[in-house]
């Protein structure tokens, strides 16, 4: 499952970045929500919590904070251990 996450997460983050660059709140939210759900399932709490925080910024329509959280999300992804 973790191997799948290391293939899935970079692709999903890339889609998230594109949606954020396009200022598309709905697509951005959908991608970050998918990342959060997947990370929660994997037990990657740091990644899940960071995704949840980013979701809150998107719900508040605060793209500046969402963009800041994107780098935190990317860093949190790197902490997920590979098996």
Protein backbone atom coordinates (compact mmCIF):
# COMPACT_ATOMS: atom_id res chain seq x y z
CA UNK A 1 0.00 0.00 0.00
CA UNK A 2 2.82 2.44 0.79
CA UNK A 3 4.40 1.80 -2.60
CA UNK A 4 1.11 2.83 -4.13
CA UNK A 5 1.09 5.97 -1.99
CA UNK A 6 4.54 6.94 -3.22
CA UNK A 7 3.31 6.60 -6.78
CA UNK A 8 -0.07 8.21 -6.14
CA UNK A 9 0.83 11.17 -3.92
CA UNK A 10 3.27 12.93 -6.28
CA UNK A 11 0.74 12.69 -9.11
CA UNK A 12 -2.08 13.96 -6.93
CA UNK A 13 0.11 16.80 -5.64
CA UNK A 14 0.92 17.77 -9.21
CA UNK A 15 -2.80 17.92 -10.05
CA UNK A 16 -3.36 19.93 -6.86
CA UNK A 17 -0.68 22.45 -7.87
CA UNK A 18 -2.25 22.89 -11.30
CA UNK A 19 -5.70 23.42 -9.81
CA UNK A 20 -4.30 25.94 -7.34
CA UNK A 21 -2.42 27.76 -10.12
CA UNK A 22 -5.72 27.93 -12.02
CA UNK A 23 -7.42 29.34 -8.87
CA UNK A 24 -9.98 26.55 -9.22
CA UNK A 25 -11.20 26.14 -5.64
CA UNK A 26 -13.38 23.12 -6.31
CA UNK A 27 -10.65 21.10 -8.06
CA UNK A 28 -8.10 22.23 -5.49
CA UNK A 29 -10.34 21.12 -2.65
CA UNK A 30 -11.08 17.77 -4.33
CA UNK A 31 -7.39 16.99 -4.79
CA UNK A 32 -6.34 17.99 -1.28
CA UNK A 33 -9.29 16.08 0.16
CA UNK A 34 -8.21 12.96 -1.76
CA UNK A 35 -4.66 13.35 -0.44
CA UNK A 36 -5.93 13.80 3.09
CA UNK A 37 -8.18 10.77 2.89
CA UNK A 38 -5.45 8.55 1.46
CA UNK A 39 -2.92 9.67 4.03
CA UNK A 40 -5.40 9.12 6.85
CA UNK A 41 -6.03 5.59 5.59
CA UNK A 42 -2.27 4.96 5.55
CA UNK A 43 -1.88 6.32 9.07
CA UNK A 44 0.28 9.23 7.87
CA UNK A 45 -1.05 11.63 10.49
CA UNK A 46 1.22 14.57 9.68
CA UNK A 47 0.25 14.50 6.03
CA UNK A 48 -3.42 14.05 6.89
CA UNK A 49 -3.39 16.99 9.34
CA UNK A 50 -1.61 19.23 6.85
CA UNK A 51 -4.15 18.34 4.16
CA UNK A 52 -6.99 19.12 6.59
CA UNK A 53 -5.48 22.52 7.34
CA UNK A 54 -5.19 23.24 3.63
CA UNK A 55 -8.84 22.20 3.16
CA UNK A 56 -9.81 24.80 5.76
CA UNK A 57 -7.91 27.52 3.89
CA UNK A 58 -9.65 26.55 0.66
CA UNK A 59 -13.07 26.52 2.32
CA UNK A 60 -12.30 30.03 3.58
CA UNK A 61 -11.35 30.95 -0.01
CA UNK A 62 -7.92 32.03 1.18
CA UNK A 63 -5.71 31.04 -1.74
CA UNK A 64 -2.64 32.72 -0.26
CA UNK A 65 -2.74 30.51 2.83
CA UNK A 66 -3.61 27.48 0.69
CA UNK A 67 -0.52 28.13 -1.44
CA UNK A 68 1.61 28.41 1.70
CA UNK A 69 0.18 25.12 2.96
CA UNK A 70 1.07 23.44 -0.33
CA UNK A 71 4.78 23.47 0.49
CA UNK A 72 3.99 22.11 3.96
CA UNK A 73 1.92 19.37 2.32
CA UNK A 74 4.78 18.47 0.01
CA UNK A 75 7.21 18.31 2.95
CA UNK A 76 4.78 16.18 4.96
CA UNK A 77 4.54 13.78 2.03
CA UNK A 78 8.29 13.24 2.19
CA UNK A 79 8.01 12.05 5.78
CA UNK A 80 5.85 9.08 4.78
CA UNK A 81 8.17 6.10 5.08
CA UNK A 82 8.82 3.80 2.14
CA UNK A 83 8.78 0.05 2.66
